[in-house]
Protein backbone atom coordinates (compact mmCIF):
# COMPACT_ATOMS: atom_id res chain seq x y z
CA MET A 1 402.91 158.15 259.66
CA PHE A 2 404.63 154.45 258.89
CA THR A 3 404.72 151.27 260.55
CA ILE A 4 408.48 149.89 262.39
CA ALA A 5 408.60 146.17 262.27
CA TYR A 6 411.39 143.98 263.32
CA ASN A 7 412.03 140.56 264.96
CA GLU A 8 412.68 139.76 268.60
CA GLU A 9 413.16 136.71 270.72
CA ASN A 10 412.06 133.38 269.08
CA ASN A 11 411.70 135.78 265.77
CA ARG A 12 408.23 137.11 267.20
CA VAL A 13 407.27 140.20 265.32
CA HIS A 14 407.19 143.28 267.07
CA SER A 15 405.99 146.38 265.15
CA VAL A 16 405.88 150.20 266.06
CA GLU A 17 404.36 153.35 264.39
CA ALA A 18 406.81 156.64 263.93
CA THR A 19 407.06 159.19 261.91
CA ASP A 20 410.69 158.96 261.92
CA PHE A 21 413.53 156.97 262.96
CA SER A 22 414.70 158.71 265.81
CA ALA A 23 414.00 155.38 267.79
CA PHE A 24 416.20 153.03 265.81
CA GLU A 25 420.00 153.29 265.54
CA ASN A 26 419.76 150.69 262.54
CA LEU A 27 417.13 150.26 260.54
CA SER A 28 419.14 146.61 258.95
CA LYS A 29 416.93 143.48 259.57
CA LYS A 30 414.17 145.97 259.53
CA TRP A 31 411.14 146.63 257.73
CA ILE A 32 408.88 149.78 257.30
CA HIS A 33 405.78 149.35 255.99
CA MET A 34 404.66 152.86 254.45
CA THR A 35 400.72 153.47 253.94
CA ASN A 36 399.82 156.20 251.78
CA PRO A 37 402.75 158.06 252.55
CA ASN A 38 403.24 162.09 252.04
CA ASP A 39 406.03 163.86 251.18
CA LYS A 40 407.45 164.31 253.95
CA GLU A 41 407.49 160.70 254.97
CA ILE A 42 408.94 159.65 251.58
CA GLU A 43 411.43 162.76 251.50
CA LEU A 44 412.44 161.10 255.23
CA VAL A 45 413.06 157.45 253.88
CA GLU A 46 414.65 158.48 250.67
CA GLU A 47 417.21 160.15 252.77
CA LYS A 48 417.76 157.45 255.46
CA CYS A 49 417.39 154.20 252.72
CA GLY A 50 419.56 155.68 249.73
CA VAL A 51 415.79 155.04 247.59
CA PRO A 52 415.27 156.93 244.71
CA ALA A 53 411.52 159.27 246.01
CA ASP A 54 410.18 158.33 242.70
CA VAL A 55 410.31 154.99 243.03
CA LEU A 56 408.37 155.12 246.59
CA LYS A 57 405.71 156.70 245.06
CA ALA A 58 405.12 154.07 242.35
CA ALA A 59 402.79 152.41 243.95
CA LEU A 60 400.42 155.34 244.99
CA ASP A 61 399.36 155.13 241.28
CA GLU A 62 396.49 152.67 241.09
CA GLU A 63 397.23 152.15 237.29
CA GLU A 64 401.22 150.66 237.69
CA ARG A 65 401.39 147.10 236.38
CA PRO A 66 403.46 144.57 238.25
CA ARG A 67 407.07 144.76 237.30
CA ILE A 68 410.48 143.81 238.83
CA GLU A 69 413.06 147.12 238.69
CA LYS A 70 416.40 146.39 240.01
CA GLU A 71 419.19 148.98 240.06
CA ASP A 72 422.28 149.60 242.33
CA GLU A 73 420.34 151.19 245.33
CA TYR A 74 418.10 148.93 244.95
CA PHE A 75 415.39 145.90 244.03
CA MET A 76 411.81 146.63 243.61
CA ILE A 77 409.06 144.36 242.69
CA LEU A 78 405.97 145.94 242.29
CA ALA A 79 402.95 143.28 242.61
CA ASP A 80 398.98 143.90 242.33
CA ILE A 81 397.40 142.98 246.12
CA PRO A 82 393.80 142.40 246.53
CA SER A 83 391.23 144.51 248.82
CA VAL A 84 387.73 145.37 249.92
CA GLU A 85 385.90 147.93 250.95
CA ASP A 86 382.57 148.20 252.59
CA ASN A 87 380.17 149.94 249.97
CA GLU A 88 377.67 151.74 252.40
CA ASP A 89 375.34 152.85 249.90
CA ASP A 90 373.98 149.42 249.86
CA GLY A 91 375.75 147.40 252.49
CA THR A 92 377.69 145.11 249.89
CA ILE A 93 381.77 144.72 249.26
CA ASP A 94 383.46 145.68 246.44
CA TYR A 95 386.59 143.95 245.60
CA THR A 96 389.30 145.34 244.03
CA THR A 97 393.11 145.13 243.27
CA LEU A 98 395.51 147.62 244.14
CA PRO A 99 399.13 147.89 243.41
CA MET A 100 402.41 146.93 246.61
CA SER A 101 405.82 147.64 245.93
CA ILE A 102 408.40 146.15 247.96
CA ILE A 103 411.57 147.38 248.33
CA VAL A 104 415.23 145.92 249.31
CA SER A 105 417.78 148.51 249.76
CA ASN A 106 420.73 148.40 252.04
CA GLY A 107 419.34 145.48 254.55
CA VAL A 108 416.07 147.17 255.11
CA LEU A 109 412.36 146.12 253.91
CA ILE A 110 410.29 148.97 252.73
CA SER A 111 406.69 148.71 251.48
CA VAL A 112 404.40 151.00 249.93
CA CYS A 113 400.47 151.03 249.10
CA LEU A 114 398.02 153.13 248.66
CA LYS A 115 395.40 151.27 251.98
CA GLU A 116 396.03 149.28 254.80
CA THR A 117 394.78 145.70 254.03
CA SER A 118 394.33 142.52 255.80
CA ILE A 119 397.62 140.93 254.71
CA THR A 120 400.04 143.81 255.60
CA ARG A 121 397.72 143.40 259.03
CA ASP A 122 398.67 139.71 259.33
CA ILE A 123 401.90 140.21 259.18
CA LEU A 124 402.29 143.19 261.60
CA ASN A 125 400.37 141.34 264.26
CA GLY A 126 402.40 138.41 264.23
CA ARG A 127 400.03 135.47 262.48
CA THR A 128 401.66 135.03 259.52
CA LYS A 129 404.07 132.39 260.52
CA ASP A 130 407.70 132.35 260.32
CA ILE A 131 408.17 136.06 259.52
CA ASP A 132 412.35 136.82 259.42
CA PHE A 133 413.41 140.39 258.63
CA GLY A 134 416.86 139.74 258.33
CA LYS A 135 416.51 137.20 255.61
CA PRO A 136 415.04 139.65 253.12
CA THR A 137 414.22 136.97 249.97
CA ARG A 138 412.55 134.64 252.19
CA PHE A 139 410.52 137.19 253.66
CA ILE A 140 409.53 138.48 249.82
CA PHE A 141 408.30 135.38 248.88
CA LYS A 142 406.27 134.95 252.19
CA LEU A 143 404.75 138.44 251.16
CA LEU A 144 403.77 136.54 247.81
CA TYR A 145 402.53 133.51 249.21
CA ALA A 146 400.29 135.69 251.59
CA ILE A 147 399.63 138.13 248.71
CA GLU A 148 398.42 134.97 246.40
CA THR A 149 396.37 133.18 249.36
CA LYS A 150 394.48 136.23 249.99
CA TYR A 151 392.94 136.34 246.39
CA LEU A 152 391.95 132.41 246.50
CA VAL A 153 390.30 133.97 250.20
CA TYR A 154 388.41 136.45 248.32
CA LEU A 155 387.36 134.28 245.46
CA ARG A 156 385.85 131.53 247.54
CA GLN A 157 383.87 134.33 249.06
CA ILE A 158 383.28 136.01 245.76
CA ASP A 159 381.76 132.82 244.91
CA LYS A 160 379.68 132.23 247.96
CA THR A 161 377.80 134.94 247.12
CA SER A 162 377.43 134.60 243.47
CA GLN A 163 375.40 131.42 244.25
CA HIS A 164 373.34 133.66 246.62
CA ILE A 165 372.44 136.38 244.51
CA GLN A 166 372.17 133.59 241.84
CA ALA A 167 369.73 131.55 244.29
CA GLU A 168 367.25 134.94 244.97
CA LEU A 169 367.15 135.47 241.27
CA ARG A 170 365.34 132.30 240.58
CA LYS A 171 363.22 133.02 242.52
CA LYS A 172 362.32 136.68 241.29
CA MET A 173 363.75 138.26 238.72
CA ASP A 174 365.15 142.04 240.31
CA ASN A 175 367.48 144.63 239.04
CA ASP A 176 369.86 145.05 241.85
CA GLU A 177 370.76 141.34 242.06
CA LEU A 178 371.34 141.28 238.28
CA ILE A 179 373.50 144.69 239.18
CA ALA A 180 375.40 143.05 242.17
CA LEU A 181 376.25 140.11 239.49
CA LEU A 182 377.17 143.05 237.11
CA ASP A 183 379.40 144.04 239.97
CA ILE A 184 380.94 140.65 240.62
CA GLN A 185 381.39 140.14 236.81
CA ASN A 186 383.84 143.01 236.77
CA ALA A 187 385.90 142.90 239.88
CA LEU A 188 386.77 139.08 238.50
CA VAL A 189 388.25 140.83 235.61
CA TYR A 190 390.43 142.89 237.97
CA PHE A 191 391.59 139.94 239.93
CA SER A 192 392.23 137.52 236.45
CA ASN A 193 394.16 140.59 234.99
CA SER A 194 395.86 141.48 238.25
CA LEU A 195 396.93 137.19 238.70
CA ARG A 196 398.52 136.80 235.37
CA ALA A 197 400.46 140.00 235.49
CA ASN A 198 402.00 138.68 238.99
CA ASN A 199 402.10 135.40 237.56
CA ASN A 200 404.55 136.60 235.27
CA VAL A 201 406.50 138.55 237.98
CA ILE A 202 407.41 135.21 239.29
CA ASP A 203 407.97 133.30 236.89
CA LYS A 204 410.98 135.65 236.38
CA LEU A 205 411.37 134.97 239.78
CA ILE A 206 411.49 131.67 239.77
CA LYS A 207 413.03 131.25 236.19
CA SER A 208 416.09 133.43 237.09
CA SER A 209 418.77 134.07 239.95
CA SER A 210 419.64 137.62 239.18
CA TYR A 211 416.77 139.42 240.44
CA LEU A 212 417.64 138.17 244.45
CA PRO A 213 420.02 135.97 245.67
CA LYS A 214 417.71 132.47 246.44
CA TYR A 215 418.92 129.28 248.83
CA GLU A 216 417.52 125.77 248.04
CA GLU A 217 414.59 126.33 250.62
CA ASP A 218 413.14 129.80 249.29
CA GLN A 219 413.60 128.29 245.64
CA ASP A 220 410.79 125.37 247.53
CA LEU A 221 408.80 128.48 248.82
CA ILE A 222 409.23 130.37 245.37
CA GLU A 223 407.74 127.68 243.74
CA ASP A 224 405.11 127.11 246.35
CA VAL A 225 404.08 130.30 245.27
CA GLY A 226 404.37 130.08 241.97
CA ILE A 227 401.82 126.88 242.50
CA GLU A 228 399.12 129.66 244.03
CA SER A 229 399.48 131.97 241.79
CA LEU A 230 398.31 129.68 239.14
CA GLN A 231 395.83 128.12 240.90
CA ALA A 232 394.56 131.46 241.83
CA LEU A 233 394.01 132.70 238.07
CA ASP A 234 392.73 128.84 237.41
CA THR A 235 390.30 129.87 239.89
CA CYS A 236 389.26 132.81 238.72
CA ASN A 237 389.07 132.06 234.89
CA THR A 238 386.55 129.51 236.15
CA TYR A 239 384.67 131.71 237.46
CA ARG A 240 384.69 134.09 235.23
CA ASP A 241 383.79 131.98 232.53
CA ILE A 242 381.16 130.63 235.11
CA LEU A 243 379.46 133.91 235.68
CA GLU A 244 379.64 135.29 232.14
CA SER A 245 377.72 132.44 230.95
CA THR A 246 375.20 133.01 233.91
CA MET A 247 375.01 136.19 232.96
CA ASN A 248 374.34 135.22 229.06
CA ALA A 249 372.00 132.96 230.14
CA TYR A 250 369.96 135.74 232.13
CA SER A 251 369.50 138.33 229.47
CA SER A 252 368.24 135.47 227.37
CA VAL A 253 365.17 134.08 229.42
CA ILE A 254 364.70 138.27 230.08
CA SER A 255 364.57 138.18 226.36
CA ASN A 256 362.10 135.29 226.10
CA ASN A 257 359.84 136.91 229.15
CA LEU A 258 359.63 140.05 227.03
CA ASN A 259 358.64 138.51 224.29
CA TYR A 260 356.10 136.28 225.71
CA VAL A 261 354.86 139.36 227.15
CA MET A 262 354.94 141.27 223.94
CA LYS A 263 352.80 138.06 222.13
CA ILE A 264 350.40 138.35 224.58
CA LEU A 265 349.81 142.24 224.50
CA THR A 266 349.38 141.62 221.15
CA SER A 267 346.80 138.47 220.94
CA ILE A 268 344.79 140.75 223.29
CA THR A 269 344.88 143.97 221.13
CA PHE A 270 343.42 142.23 218.54
CA ILE A 271 340.72 140.74 220.05
CA VAL A 272 339.39 143.52 221.61
CA SER A 273 339.83 145.28 218.55
CA VAL A 274 337.22 142.65 216.77
CA PRO A 275 334.02 143.96 218.78
CA ASN A 276 334.83 147.49 217.67
CA VAL A 277 335.29 146.66 213.88
CA ILE A 278 332.80 144.92 213.91
CA GLY A 279 330.47 148.14 216.06
CA ALA A 280 331.66 149.95 213.07
CA ILE A 281 331.24 148.09 210.17
CA PHE A 282 327.09 148.43 211.82
CA GLY A 283 327.62 151.52 212.92
CA MET A 284 327.99 152.97 209.50
CA ASN A 285 325.08 152.15 207.72
CA LEU A 286 322.39 149.50 208.13
CA ASP A 287 320.55 149.68 204.76
CA GLY A 288 320.53 147.02 203.01
CA ILE A 289 321.48 144.44 205.79
CA PRO A 290 318.73 141.84 206.17
CA GLY A 291 316.73 143.01 209.70
CA PHE A 292 318.31 146.36 209.58
CA SER A 293 317.01 150.04 208.59
CA ALA A 294 318.68 152.83 208.81
CA ASP A 295 315.46 154.78 210.81
CA GLY A 296 316.86 151.77 213.84
CA HIS A 297 313.02 150.48 214.27
CA ASN A 298 314.51 147.22 214.79
CA LYS A 299 314.30 147.13 218.20
CA PHE A 300 316.88 143.97 218.23
CA ALA A 301 319.19 145.53 216.13
CA PHE A 302 322.05 146.31 219.35
CA LEU A 303 321.73 143.04 220.63
CA ILE A 304 322.33 141.42 217.30
CA VAL A 305 325.37 142.76 216.70
CA CYS A 306 326.59 142.48 220.17
CA VAL A 307 326.53 138.60 219.45
CA ILE A 308 327.99 138.91 216.33
CA ALA A 309 331.05 140.49 217.72
CA ILE A 310 331.05 137.92 220.74
CA VAL A 311 330.69 134.70 218.70
CA VAL A 312 333.21 136.71 216.26
CA THR A 313 335.63 137.63 219.39
CA VAL A 314 335.05 133.85 220.61
CA VAL A 315 336.04 131.91 217.46
CA CYS A 316 339.47 134.24 217.32
CA GLY A 317 340.18 133.73 220.48
CA PHE A 318 339.74 129.83 220.12
CA ILE A 319 341.65 129.80 216.92
CA MET A 320 343.95 132.17 218.54
CA LYS A 321 344.19 130.07 221.32
CA LYS A 322 345.38 126.63 219.40
CA LYS A 323 347.74 128.27 217.81
CA LYS A 324 349.92 129.18 220.92
CA LEU A 325 348.89 132.87 220.70
CA LEU A 326 347.48 133.14 223.70
C-alpha cells in the first residue's frame, strides 16, 4: 500500500492510501509516497510512471549514499533523512538516518523510504505550508528544507538529552549513563556523515540549473536549504566535539579514581603486612633477644610483640599519611 497526495482547492493537501491507480485517471501533479514497498507495488509504479525498478529500490538499501541521478525518463535525488525509534528495552530514543529517494517522472512526484517518518507525515497531514505538487522543483526544495530543519530539531533534542545525562553523571558515575552518552555520540557521527553528504547534493543543485529547472523564487528557496544544511552540519559537529571532549574527561576521571583506589589499597596492604612481618620474626626464634627465651617463660612476650607491632604500624601509617599515600 502507498499514499497518493494531491492539491485540492486553495492548495490544501489531500492524501489517500491506495493499492493501485484505478481511482486516478491522471497522476500528473500528484505525489506518490511509498514506504517499504513490496515487489508488486514497485512493478505497478514502474509500469504506470516509467521509472525503472532498480531506481525505485535504491532507497530500500540502508547503505545507499546521497546523490543525484538524471536520465531521460526520470530525475532522482537520494538524500539521508533523520529518523527516531523508541527503544522498548530501556525506554530510550534511538536516532539514526535513512535514505529517501525523490523522483520526478513525466510530471509525477515519487518518493520511496524504508520507514514512515515525521517529515512525510507533516506534508501528508497538511502541516507543511505552501505545498504545491504541480511544481516539482518547488516541492523537492520544500522537502529538502523540511529534512534539514528536522535535523536541527533532533539535534536540539540530542543536546538536551546529553545535558540531562551529564547532570546525572555528576551525581553518580554509572555505566548506564556512560553507555547512553556513547549511543548519542554514535548518533551524532551518523548525523554528521549524512549531513555532509546531503550538503554536497544541495551544493550541486544550487550551482547548476541542469538538474532541475529553477525560477527566481526557487533559487531563493534552495539557497535557504543550503543555509539550513550548513547550520545543521555545524551544529552537529559542535555537539559531537563537545561530547567527545566530555567523554574523554569522564574517562580521565574514571582512570584517576581507579588510580586513587589502587593507591589506597596498596597502602593498606603495606600497613597490614607490618604486624605480620614482626610477628613472624619473633615467632621463628626468640633466643638471643633480650628479655626473651626459647622456653617461653617470659609472660610478657606476647604483649611486648603486640606493642612493637602497633608502634611500628602507627609510625608507618603516619609517614605514609604525611607523604599523602593515604
